[in-house]
Amino acid sequence: FTGTVVRNHREAYQRKRREEYVDKDQSTRKNFLQ
């Protein structure tokens, strides 16, 4: 269960690159894994 979520998040991060994956608005909630 958790392994699938980790892989999906990491793939999304690497696919979109940090500047697209991380919201520039610092008020946007980021989860622990992000």
Full PDB file with SEQRES, HELIX, SHEET, SSBOND, CRYST1, ORIGX, SCALE, CONECT and MASTER records, all heavy atoms in Angstrom:
SEQRES   1 A   34  PHE THR GLY THR VAL VAL ARG ASN HIS ARG GLU ALA TYR          
SEQRES   2 A   34  GLN ARG LYS ARG ARG GLU GLU TYR VAL ASP LYS ASP GLN          
SEQRES   3 A   34  SER THR ARG LYS ASN PHE LEU GLN                              
HELIX    1 AA1 THR A    2  TYR A   21  1                                  20    
CRYST1    1.000    1.000    1.000  90.00  90.00  90.00 P 1           1          
ORIGX1      1.000000  0.000000  0.000000        0.00000                         
ORIGX2      0.000000  1.000000  0.000000        0.00000                         
ORIGX3      0.000000  0.000000  1.000000        0.00000                         
SCALE1      1.000000  0.000000  0.000000        0.00000                         
SCALE2      0.000000  1.000000  0.000000        0.00000                         
SCALE3      0.000000  0.000000  1.000000        0.00000                         
ATOM      1  N   PHE A   1       0.825  -1.202   0.000  1.00  0.00           N  
ATOM      2  CA  PHE A   1       0.000   0.000   0.000  1.00  0.00           C  
ATOM      3  C   PHE A   1       0.864   1.259   0.000  1.00  0.00           C  
ATOM      4  O   PHE A   1       0.743   2.123  -0.879  1.00  0.00           O  
ATOM      5  CB  PHE A   1      -0.914  -0.020   1.224  1.00  0.00           C  
ATOM      6  CG  PHE A   1      -1.711   1.232   1.426  1.00  0.00           C  
ATOM      7  CD1 PHE A   1      -2.683   1.612   0.520  1.00  0.00           C  
ATOM      8  CD2 PHE A   1      -1.486   2.043   2.536  1.00  0.00           C  
ATOM      9  CE1 PHE A   1      -3.424   2.775   0.705  1.00  0.00           C  
ATOM     10  CE2 PHE A   1      -2.212   3.201   2.726  1.00  0.00           C  
ATOM     11  CZ  PHE A   1      -3.182   3.568   1.815  1.00  0.00           C  
ATOM     12  N   THR A   2       1.777   1.373   0.988  1.00  0.00           N  
ATOM     13  CA  THR A   2       2.592   2.585   1.083  1.00  0.00           C  
ATOM     14  C   THR A   2       3.642   2.641  -0.022  1.00  0.00           C  
ATOM     15  O   THR A   2       3.962   3.717  -0.522  1.00  0.00           O  
ATOM     16  CB  THR A   2       3.275   2.682   2.459  1.00  0.00           C  
ATOM     17  OG1 THR A   2       3.950   1.442   2.735  1.00  0.00           O  
ATOM     18  CG2 THR A   2       2.262   2.956   3.549  1.00  0.00           C  
ATOM     19  N   GLY A   3       4.171   1.480  -0.416  1.00  0.00           N  
ATOM     20  CA  GLY A   3       5.184   1.462  -1.476  1.00  0.00           C  
ATOM     21  C   GLY A   3       4.650   2.005  -2.791  1.00  0.00           C  
ATOM     22  O   GLY A   3       5.345   2.741  -3.506  1.00  0.00           O  
ATOM     23  N   THR A   4       3.416   1.659  -3.120  1.00  0.00           N  
ATOM     24  CA  THR A   4       2.799   2.154  -4.348  1.00  0.00           C  
ATOM     25  C   THR A   4       2.664   3.673  -4.315  1.00  0.00           C  
ATOM     26  O   THR A   4       2.946   4.366  -5.305  1.00  0.00           O  
ATOM     27  CB  THR A   4       1.419   1.504  -4.552  1.00  0.00           C  
ATOM     28  OG1 THR A   4       1.582   0.090  -4.663  1.00  0.00           O  
ATOM     29  CG2 THR A   4       0.748   2.035  -5.808  1.00  0.00           C  
ATOM     30  N   VAL A   5       2.239   4.213  -3.167  1.00  0.00           N  
ATOM     31  CA  VAL A   5       2.077   5.665  -3.045  1.00  0.00           C  
ATOM     32  C   VAL A   5       3.421   6.365  -3.182  1.00  0.00           C  
ATOM     33  O   VAL A   5       3.542   7.391  -3.874  1.00  0.00           O  
ATOM     34  CB  VAL A   5       1.414   6.023  -1.700  1.00  0.00           C  
ATOM     35  CG1 VAL A   5       1.347   7.531  -1.522  1.00  0.00           C  
ATOM     36  CG2 VAL A   5       0.022   5.419  -1.612  1.00  0.00           C  
ATOM     37  N   VAL A   6       4.460   5.830  -2.542  1.00  0.00           N  
ATOM     38  CA  VAL A   6       5.798   6.433  -2.627  1.00  0.00           C  
ATOM     39  C   VAL A   6       6.273   6.470  -4.080  1.00  0.00           C  
ATOM     40  O   VAL A   6       6.748   7.504  -4.569  1.00  0.00           O  
ATOM     41  CB  VAL A   6       6.799   5.661  -1.744  1.00  0.00           C  
ATOM     42  CG1 VAL A   6       8.241   6.100  -2.060  1.00  0.00           C  
ATOM     43  CG2 VAL A   6       6.502   5.889  -0.268  1.00  0.00           C  
ATOM     44  N   ARG A   7       6.143   5.362  -4.767  1.00  0.00           N  
ATOM     45  CA  ARG A   7       6.605   5.312  -6.164  1.00  0.00           C  
ATOM     46  C   ARG A   7       5.834   6.298  -7.025  1.00  0.00           C  
ATOM     47  O   ARG A   7       6.422   7.007  -7.861  1.00  0.00           O  
ATOM     48  CB  ARG A   7       6.457   3.895  -6.712  1.00  0.00           C  
ATOM     49  CG  ARG A   7       7.496   2.919  -6.182  1.00  0.00           C  
ATOM     50  CD  ARG A   7       7.477   1.613  -6.968  1.00  0.00           C  
ATOM     51  NE  ARG A   7       6.173   0.945  -6.886  1.00  0.00           N  
ATOM     52  CZ  ARG A   7       5.828   0.124  -5.903  1.00  0.00           C  
ATOM     53  NH1 ARG A   7       6.670  -0.114  -4.911  1.00  0.00           N  
ATOM     54  NH2 ARG A   7       4.650  -0.461  -5.904  1.00  0.00           N  
ATOM     55  N   ASN A   8       4.528   6.373  -6.841  1.00  0.00           N  
ATOM     56  CA  ASN A   8       3.710   7.292  -7.648  1.00  0.00           C  
ATOM     57  C   ASN A   8       4.109   8.743  -7.428  1.00  0.00           C  
ATOM     58  O   ASN A   8       4.214   9.537  -8.370  1.00  0.00           O  
ATOM     59  CB  ASN A   8       2.231   7.086  -7.342  1.00  0.00           C  
ATOM     60  CG  ASN A   8       1.705   5.758  -7.866  1.00  0.00           C  
ATOM     61  OD1 ASN A   8       2.347   5.118  -8.704  1.00  0.00           O  
ATOM     62  ND2 ASN A   8       0.555   5.336  -7.382  1.00  0.00           N  
ATOM     63  N   HIS A   9       4.318   9.106  -6.149  1.00  0.00           N  
ATOM     64  CA  HIS A   9       4.701  10.488  -5.846  1.00  0.00           C  
ATOM     65  C   HIS A   9       6.073  10.817  -6.416  1.00  0.00           C  
ATOM     66  O   HIS A   9       6.287  11.909  -6.974  1.00  0.00           O  
ATOM     67  CB  HIS A   9       4.700  10.715  -4.335  1.00  0.00           C  
ATOM     68  CG  HIS A   9       3.373  11.110  -3.774  1.00  0.00           C  
ATOM     69  ND1 HIS A   9       2.275  10.295  -3.825  1.00  0.00           N  
ATOM     70  CD2 HIS A   9       2.961  12.239  -3.145  1.00  0.00           C  
ATOM     71  CE1 HIS A   9       1.237  10.900  -3.247  1.00  0.00           C  
ATOM     72  NE2 HIS A   9       1.635  12.082  -2.830  1.00  0.00           N  
ATOM     73  N   ARG A  10       7.001   9.909  -6.278  1.00  0.00           N  
ATOM     74  CA  ARG A  10       8.359  10.195  -6.748  1.00  0.00           C  
ATOM     75  C   ARG A  10       8.397  10.290  -8.274  1.00  0.00           C  
ATOM     76  O   ARG A  10       9.078  11.146  -8.843  1.00  0.00           O  
ATOM     77  CB  ARG A  10       9.321   9.126  -6.248  1.00  0.00           C  
ATOM     78  CG  ARG A  10      10.786   9.533  -6.392  1.00  0.00           C  
ATOM     79  CD  ARG A  10      11.693   8.760  -5.481  1.00  0.00           C  
ATOM     80  NE  ARG A  10      12.845   9.555  -5.088  1.00  0.00           N  
ATOM     81  CZ  ARG A  10      13.684   9.211  -4.134  1.00  0.00           C  
ATOM     82  NH1 ARG A  10      13.475   8.100  -3.440  1.00  0.00           N  
ATOM     83  NH2 ARG A  10      14.721   9.971  -3.837  1.00  0.00           N  
ATOM     84  N   GLU A  11       7.664   9.403  -8.914  1.00  0.00           N  
ATOM     85  CA  GLU A  11       7.603   9.457 -10.382  1.00  0.00           C  
ATOM     86  C   GLU A  11       6.983  10.763 -10.849  1.00  0.00           C  
ATOM     87  O   GLU A  11       7.433  11.371 -11.831  1.00  0.00           O  
ATOM     88  CB  GLU A  11       6.813   8.259 -10.911  1.00  0.00           C  
ATOM     89  CG  GLU A  11       7.564   6.935 -10.804  1.00  0.00           C  
ATOM     90  CD  GLU A  11       6.680   5.733 -11.087  1.00  0.00           C  
ATOM     91  OE1 GLU A  11       5.498   5.947 -11.459  1.00  0.00           O  
ATOM     92  OE2 GLU A  11       7.152   4.597 -10.917  1.00  0.00           O  
ATOM     93  N   ALA A  12       5.931  11.208 -10.133  1.00  0.00           N  
ATOM     94  CA  ALA A  12       5.299  12.485 -10.502  1.00  0.00           C  
ATOM     95  C   ALA A  12       6.267  13.638 -10.325  1.00  0.00           C  
ATOM     96  O   ALA A  12       6.347  14.543 -11.170  1.00  0.00           O  
ATOM     97  CB  ALA A  12       4.052  12.702  -9.654  1.00  0.00           C  
ATOM     98  N   TYR A  13       7.040  13.594  -9.243  1.00  0.00           N  
ATOM     99  CA  TYR A  13       8.008  14.657  -8.989  1.00  0.00           C  
ATOM    100  C   TYR A  13       9.065  14.703 -10.091  1.00  0.00           C  
ATOM    101  O   TYR A  13       9.393  15.761 -10.637  1.00  0.00           O  
ATOM    102  CB  TYR A  13       8.678  14.428  -7.634  1.00  0.00           C  
ATOM    103  CG  TYR A  13       9.626  15.525  -7.225  1.00  0.00           C  
ATOM    104  CD1 TYR A  13       9.203  16.558  -6.394  1.00  0.00           C  
ATOM    105  CD2 TYR A  13      10.951  15.539  -7.663  1.00  0.00           C  
ATOM    106  CE1 TYR A  13      10.070  17.568  -6.018  1.00  0.00           C  
ATOM    107  CE2 TYR A  13      11.820  16.539  -7.311  1.00  0.00           C  
ATOM    108  CZ  TYR A  13      11.382  17.548  -6.475  1.00  0.00           C  
ATOM    109  OH  TYR A  13      12.238  18.554  -6.109  1.00  0.00           O  
ATOM    110  N   GLN A  14       9.599  13.523 -10.407  1.00  0.00           N  
ATOM    111  CA  GLN A  14      10.671  13.468 -11.404  1.00  0.00           C  
ATOM    112  C   GLN A  14      10.149  13.767 -12.802  1.00  0.00           C  
ATOM    113  O   GLN A  14      10.872  14.324 -13.635  1.00  0.00           O  
ATOM    114  CB  GLN A  14      11.323  12.082 -11.363  1.00  0.00           C  
ATOM    115  CG  GLN A  14      12.100  11.862 -10.073  1.00  0.00           C  
ATOM    116  CD  GLN A  14      12.535  10.425  -9.873  1.00  0.00           C  
ATOM    117  OE1 GLN A  14      12.010   9.511 -10.534  1.00  0.00           O  
ATOM    118  NE2 GLN A  14      13.468  10.205  -8.960  1.00  0.00           N  
ATOM    119  N   ARG A  15       8.884  13.444 -13.053  1.00  0.00           N  
ATOM    120  CA  ARG A  15       8.309  13.682 -14.378  1.00  0.00           C  
ATOM    121  C   ARG A  15       8.059  15.162 -14.626  1.00  0.00           C  
ATOM    122  O   ARG A  15       8.291  15.686 -15.694  1.00  0.00           O  
ATOM    123  CB  ARG A  15       7.003  12.890 -14.511  1.00  0.00           C  
ATOM    124  CG  ARG A  15       6.369  12.983 -15.902  1.00  0.00           C  
ATOM    125  CD  ARG A  15       5.181  12.025 -16.046  1.00  0.00           C  
ATOM    126  NE  ARG A  15       4.117  12.318 -15.099  1.00  0.00           N  
ATOM    127  CZ  ARG A  15       3.808  11.531 -14.070  1.00  0.00           C  
ATOM    128  NH1 ARG A  15       4.482  10.415 -13.839  1.00  0.00           N  
ATOM    129  NH2 ARG A  15       2.818  11.850 -13.258  1.00  0.00           N  
ATOM    130  N   LYS A  16       7.579  15.831 -13.639  1.00  0.00           N  
ATOM    131  CA  LYS A  16       7.187  17.233 -13.826  1.00  0.00           C  
ATOM    132  C   LYS A  16       8.270  18.226 -13.424  1.00  0.00           C  
ATOM    133  O   LYS A  16       8.127  19.424 -13.651  1.00  0.00           O  
ATOM    134  CB  LYS A  16       5.915  17.522 -13.020  1.00  0.00           C  
ATOM    135  CG  LYS A  16       4.713  16.717 -13.491  1.00  0.00           C  
ATOM    136  CD  LYS A  16       3.469  17.092 -12.682  1.00  0.00           C  
ATOM    137  CE  LYS A  16       2.256  16.309 -13.162  1.00  0.00           C  
ATOM    138  NZ  LYS A  16       1.047  16.635 -12.392  1.00  0.00           N  
ATOM    139  N   ARG A  17       9.312  17.698 -12.772  1.00  0.00           N  
ATOM    140  CA  ARG A  17      10.382  18.541 -12.267  1.00  0.00           C  
ATOM    141  C   ARG A  17       9.899  19.390 -11.102  1.00  0.00           C  
ATOM    142  O   ARG A  17       8.719  19.668 -10.934  1.00  0.00           O  
ATOM    143  CB  ARG A  17      10.965  19.447 -13.360  1.00  0.00           C  
ATOM    144  CG  ARG A  17      11.464  18.715 -14.574  1.00  0.00           C  
ATOM    145  CD  ARG A  17      12.652  17.841 -14.251  1.00  0.00           C  
ATOM    146  NE  ARG A  17      13.178  17.191 -15.442  1.00  0.00           N  
ATOM    147  CZ  ARG A  17      14.189  16.327 -15.409  1.00  0.00           C  
ATOM    148  NH1 ARG A  17      14.763  16.059 -14.270  1.00  0.00           N  
ATOM    149  NH2 ARG A  17      14.599  15.769 -16.523  1.00  0.00           N  
ATOM    150  N   ARG A  18      10.822  19.807 -10.302  1.00  0.00           N  
ATOM    151  CA  ARG A  18      10.466  20.492  -9.068  1.00  0.00           C  
ATOM    152  C   ARG A  18       9.667  21.770  -9.303  1.00  0.00           C  
ATOM    153  O   ARG A  18       8.702  22.055  -8.611  1.00  0.00           O  
ATOM    154  CB  ARG A  18      11.730  20.827  -8.271  1.00  0.00           C  
ATOM    155  CG  ARG A  18      11.432  21.527  -6.964  1.00  0.00           C  
ATOM    156  CD  ARG A  18      12.685  21.862  -6.203  1.00  0.00           C  
ATOM    157  NE  ARG A  18      13.460  20.671  -5.919  1.00  0.00           N  
ATOM    158  CZ  ARG A  18      14.562  20.680  -5.169  1.00  0.00           C  
ATOM    159  NH1 ARG A  18      14.988  21.810  -4.661  1.00  0.00           N  
ATOM    160  NH2 ARG A  18      15.225  19.582  -4.941  1.00  0.00           N  
ATOM    161  N   GLU A  19      10.062  22.582 -10.290  1.00  0.00           N  
ATOM    162  CA  GLU A  19       9.381  23.868 -10.461  1.00  0.00           C  
ATOM    163  C   GLU A  19       7.913  23.722 -10.818  1.00  0.00           C  
ATOM    164  O   GLU A  19       7.115  24.637 -10.575  1.00  0.00           O  
ATOM    165  CB  GLU A  19      10.089  24.715 -11.516  1.00  0.00           C  
ATOM    166  CG  GLU A  19      10.110  24.121 -12.912  1.00  0.00           C  
ATOM    167  CD  GLU A  19      11.315  23.223 -13.139  1.00  0.00           C  
ATOM    168  OE1 GLU A  19      11.958  22.835 -12.136  1.00  0.00           O  
ATOM    169  OE2 GLU A  19      11.622  22.929 -14.306  1.00  0.00           O  
ATOM    170  N   GLU A  20       7.531  22.569 -11.377  1.00  0.00           N  
ATOM    171  CA  GLU A  20       6.125  22.348 -11.694  1.00  0.00           C  
ATOM    172  C   GLU A  20       5.418  21.576 -10.593  1.00  0.00           C  
ATOM    173  O   GLU A  20       4.231  21.736 -10.377  1.00  0.00           O  
ATOM    174  CB  GLU A  20       6.006  21.575 -13.010  1.00  0.00           C  
ATOM    175  CG  GLU A  20       6.565  22.306 -14.207  1.00  0.00           C  
ATOM    176  CD  GLU A  20       6.530  21.440 -15.460  1.00  0.00           C  
ATOM    177  OE1 GLU A  20       5.740  20.482 -15.484  1.00  0.00           O  
ATOM    178  OE2 GLU A  20       7.285  21.731 -16.401  1.00  0.00           O  
ATOM    179  N   TYR A  21       6.183  20.747  -9.879  1.00  0.00           N  
ATOM    180  CA  TYR A  21       5.572  19.859  -8.881  1.00  0.00           C  
ATOM    181  C   TYR A  21       5.270  20.574  -7.580  1.00  0.00           C  
ATOM    182  O   TYR A  21       4.284  20.344  -6.934  1.00  0.00           O  
ATOM    183  CB  TYR A  21       6.526  18.685  -8.626  1.00  0.00           C  
ATOM    184  CG  TYR A  21       6.025  17.649  -7.654  1.00  0.00           C  
ATOM    185  CD1 TYR A  21       4.977  16.804  -7.997  1.00  0.00           C  
ATOM    186  CD2 TYR A  21       6.610  17.516  -6.400  1.00  0.00           C  
ATOM    187  CE1 TYR A  21       4.529  15.848  -7.117  1.00  0.00           C  
ATOM    188  CE2 TYR A  21       6.167  16.553  -5.509  1.00  0.00           C  
ATOM    189  CZ  TYR A  21       5.133  15.717  -5.878  1.00  0.00           C  
ATOM    190  OH  TYR A  21       4.690  14.774  -5.004  1.00  0.00           O  
ATOM    191  N   VAL A  22       6.180  21.502  -7.233  1.00  0.00           N  
ATOM    192  CA  VAL A  22       6.021  22.217  -5.971  1.00  0.00           C  
ATOM    193  C   VAL A  22       5.327  23.543  -6.239  1.00  0.00           C  
ATOM    194  O   VAL A  22       5.791  24.361  -7.014  1.00  0.00           O  
ATOM    195  CB  VAL A  22       7.386  22.464  -5.299  1.00  0.00           C  
ATOM    196  CG1 VAL A  22       7.195  23.209  -3.987  1.00  0.00           C  
ATOM    197  CG2 VAL A  22       8.107  21.140  -5.056  1.00  0.00           C  
ATOM    198  N   ASP A  23       4.231  23.755  -5.544  1.00  0.00           N  
ATOM    199  CA  ASP A  23       3.468  24.991  -5.699  1.00  0.00           C  
ATOM    200  C   ASP A  23       4.266  26.143  -5.092  1.00  0.00           C  
ATOM    201  O   ASP A  23       4.748  26.053  -3.967  1.00  0.00           O  
ATOM    202  CB  ASP A  23       2.122  24.844  -4.988  1.00  0.00           C  
ATOM    203  CG  ASP A  23       1.132  25.907  -5.419  1.00  0.00           C  
ATOM    204  OD1 ASP A  23       1.503  27.082  -5.443  1.00  0.00           O  
ATOM    205  OD2 ASP A  23      -0.025  25.530  -5.710  1.00  0.00           O  
ATOM    206  N   LYS A  24       4.417  27.241  -5.861  1.00  0.00           N  
ATOM    207  CA  LYS A  24       5.182  28.383  -5.348  1.00  0.00           C  
ATOM    208  C   LYS A  24       4.486  29.067  -4.179  1.00  0.00           C  
ATOM    209  O   LYS A  24       5.105  29.763  -3.389  1.00  0.00           O  
ATOM    210  CB  LYS A  24       5.401  29.394  -6.468  1.00  0.00           C  
ATOM    211  CG  LYS A  24       6.223  28.863  -7.630  1.00  0.00           C  
ATOM    212  CD  LYS A  24       7.614  28.425  -7.191  1.00  0.00           C  
ATOM    213  CE  LYS A  24       8.489  28.081  -8.377  1.00  0.00           C  
ATOM    214  NZ  LYS A  24       8.002  26.933  -9.125  1.00  0.00           N  
ATOM    215  N   ASP A  25       3.197  28.893  -4.049  1.00  0.00           N  
ATOM    216  CA  ASP A  25       2.446  29.484  -2.945  1.00  0.00           C  
ATOM    217  C   ASP A  25       2.755  28.704  -1.674  1.00  0.00           C  
ATOM    218  O   ASP A  25       2.351  27.564  -1.516  1.00  0.00           O  
ATOM    219  CB  ASP A  25       0.942  29.425  -3.242  1.00  0.00           C  
ATOM    220  CG  ASP A  25       0.107  30.024  -2.112  1.00  0.00           C  
ATOM    221  OD1 ASP A  25       0.702  30.486  -1.112  1.00  0.00           O  
ATOM    222  OD2 ASP A  25      -1.133  30.029  -2.247  1.00  0.00           O  
ATOM    223  N   GLN A  26       3.498  29.320  -0.777  1.00  0.00           N  
ATOM    224  CA  GLN A  26       3.950  28.623   0.421  1.00  0.00           C  
ATOM    225  C   GLN A  26       2.811  28.267   1.371  1.00  0.00           C  
ATOM    226  O   GLN A  26       2.987  27.518   2.318  1.00  0.00           O  
ATOM    227  CB  GLN A  26       4.992  29.473   1.167  1.00  0.00           C  
ATOM    228  CG  GLN A  26       6.308  29.601   0.413  1.00  0.00           C  
ATOM    229  CD  GLN A  26       6.963  28.244   0.155  1.00  0.00           C  
ATOM    230  OE1 GLN A  26       7.217  27.483   1.071  1.00  0.00           O  
ATOM    231  NE2 GLN A  26       7.213  27.944  -1.106  1.00  0.00           N  
ATOM    232  N   SER A  27       1.638  28.848   1.145  1.00  0.00           N  
ATOM    233  CA  SER A  27       0.500  28.498   1.998  1.00  0.00           C  
ATOM    234  C   SER A  27      -0.144  27.187   1.572  1.00  0.00           C  
ATOM    235  O   SER A  27      -0.973  26.635   2.272  1.00  0.00           O  
ATOM    236  CB  SER A  27      -0.549  29.618   1.965  1.00  0.00           C  
ATOM    237  OG  SER A  27      -1.114  29.715   0.670  1.00  0.00           O  
ATOM    238  N   THR A  28       0.231  26.683   0.357  1.00  0.00           N  
ATOM    239  CA  THR A  28      -0.345  25.429  -0.114  1.00  0.00           C  
ATOM    240  C   THR A  28       0.138  24.276   0.758  1.00  0.00           C  
ATOM    241  O   THR A  28       1.323  24.167   1.049  1.00  0.00           O  
ATOM    242  CB  THR A  28       0.061  25.174  -1.580  1.00  0.00           C  
ATOM    243  OG1 THR A  28      -0.437  26.244  -2.364  1.00  0.00           O  
ATOM    244  CG2 THR A  28      -0.525  23.871  -2.076  1.00  0.00           C  
ATOM    245  N   ARG A  29      -0.786  23.428   1.174  1.00  0.00           N  
ATOM    246  CA  ARG A  29      -0.431  22.329   2.069  1.00  0.00           C  
ATOM    247  C   ARG A  29       0.380  21.278   1.332  1.00  0.00           C  
ATOM    248  O   ARG A  29       0.020  20.842   0.243  1.00  0.00           O  
ATOM    249  CB  ARG A  29      -1.696  21.696   2.641  1.00  0.00           C  
ATOM    250  CG  ARG A  29      -1.407  20.594   3.636  1.00  0.00           C  
ATOM    251  CD  ARG A  29      -2.669  20.072   4.273  1.00  0.00           C  
ATOM    252  NE  ARG A  29      -3.513  19.357   3.348  1.00  0.00           N  
ATOM    253  CZ  ARG A  29      -4.725  19.749   2.977  1.00  0.00           C  
ATOM    254  NH1 ARG A  29      -5.216  20.870   3.441  1.00  0.00           N  
ATOM    255  NH2 ARG A  29      -5.451  19.026   2.135  1.00  0.00           N  
ATOM    256  N   LYS A  30       1.494  20.882   1.922  1.00  0.00           N  
ATOM    257  CA  LYS A  30       2.290  19.780   1.397  1.00  0.00           C  
ATOM    258  C   LYS A  30       2.246  18.648   2.410  1.00  0.00           C  
ATOM    259  O   LYS A  30       2.380  18.877   3.609  1.00  0.00           O  
ATOM    260  CB  LYS A  30       3.743  20.213   1.181  1.00  0.00           C  
ATOM    261  CG  LYS A  30       3.925  21.381   0.240  1.00  0.00           C  
ATOM    262  CD  LYS A  30       5.388  21.814   0.266  1.00  0.00           C  
ATOM    263  CE  LYS A  30       5.550  23.153  -0.437  1.00  0.00           C  
ATOM    264  NZ  LYS A  30       6.907  23.697  -0.242  1.00  0.00           N  
ATOM    265  N   ASN A  31       2.071  17.442   1.924  1.00  0.00           N  
ATOM    266  CA  ASN A  31       2.064  16.320   2.844  1.00  0.00           C  
ATOM    267  C   ASN A  31       3.491  15.912   3.207  1.00  0.00           C  
ATOM    268  O   ASN A  31       4.469  16.359   2.605  1.00  0.00           O  
ATOM    269  CB  ASN A  31       1.267  15.150   2.263  1.00  0.00           C  
ATOM    270  CG  ASN A  31       1.853  14.626   0.967  1.00  0.00           C  
ATOM    271  OD1 ASN A  31       2.951  14.090   0.950  1.00  0.00           O  
ATOM    272  ND2 ASN A  31       1.121  14.809  -0.140  1.00  0.00           N  
ATOM    273  N   PHE A  32       3.590  15.053   4.217  1.00  0.00           N  
ATOM    274  CA  PHE A  32       4.866  14.597   4.754  1.00  0.00           C  
ATOM    275  C   PHE A  32       5.733  13.970   3.656  1.00  0.00           C  
ATOM    276  O   PHE A  32       6.928  14.255   3.547  1.00  0.00           O  
ATOM    277  CB  PHE A  32       4.563  13.587   5.867  1.00  0.00           C  
ATOM    278  CG  PHE A  32       5.754  12.950   6.515  1.00  0.00           C  
ATOM    279  CD1 PHE A  32       6.632  13.694   7.287  1.00  0.00           C  
ATOM    280  CD2 PHE A  32       5.989  11.581   6.381  1.00  0.00           C  
ATOM    281  CE1 PHE A  32       7.719  13.101   7.903  1.00  0.00           C  
ATOM    282  CE2 PHE A  32       7.069  10.980   6.989  1.00  0.00           C  
ATOM    283  CZ  PHE A  32       7.939  11.736   7.758  1.00  0.00           C  
ATOM    284  N   LEU A  33       5.148  13.129   2.831  1.00  0.00           N  
ATOM    285  CA  LEU A  33       5.904  12.449   1.790  1.00  0.00           C  
ATOM    286  C   LEU A  33       6.424  13.443   0.751  1.00  0.00           C  
ATOM    287  O   LEU A  33       7.578  13.340   0.307  1.00  0.00           O  
ATOM    288  CB  LEU A  33       5.030  11.391   1.118  1.00  0.00           C  
ATOM    289  CG  LEU A  33       5.643  10.615  -0.049  1.00  0.00           C  
ATOM    290  CD1 LEU A  33       6.940   9.935   0.371  1.00  0.00           C  
ATOM    291  CD2 LEU A  33       4.646   9.585  -0.584  1.00  0.00           C  
ATOM    292  N   GLN A  34       5.609  14.408   0.348  1.00  0.00           N  
ATOM    293  CA  GLN A  34       6.065  15.431  -0.597  1.00  0.00           C  
ATOM    294  C   GLN A  34       7.293  16.159  -0.061  1.00  0.00           C  
ATOM    295  O   GLN A  34       8.263  16.393  -0.786  1.00  0.00           O  
ATOM    296  CB  GLN A  34       4.959  16.451  -0.859  1.00  0.00           C  
ATOM    297  CG  GLN A  34       3.909  15.992  -1.860  1.00  0.00           C  
ATOM    298  CD  GLN A  34       2.825  17.046  -2.004  1.00  0.00           C  
ATOM    299  OE1 GLN A  34       2.306  17.559  -1.016  1.00  0.00           O  
ATOM    300  NE2 GLN A  34       2.491  17.376  -3.235  1.00  0.00           N  
TER     301      GLN A  34                                                      
MASTER        0    0    0    1    0    0    0    6  300    1    0    3          
END                                                                             
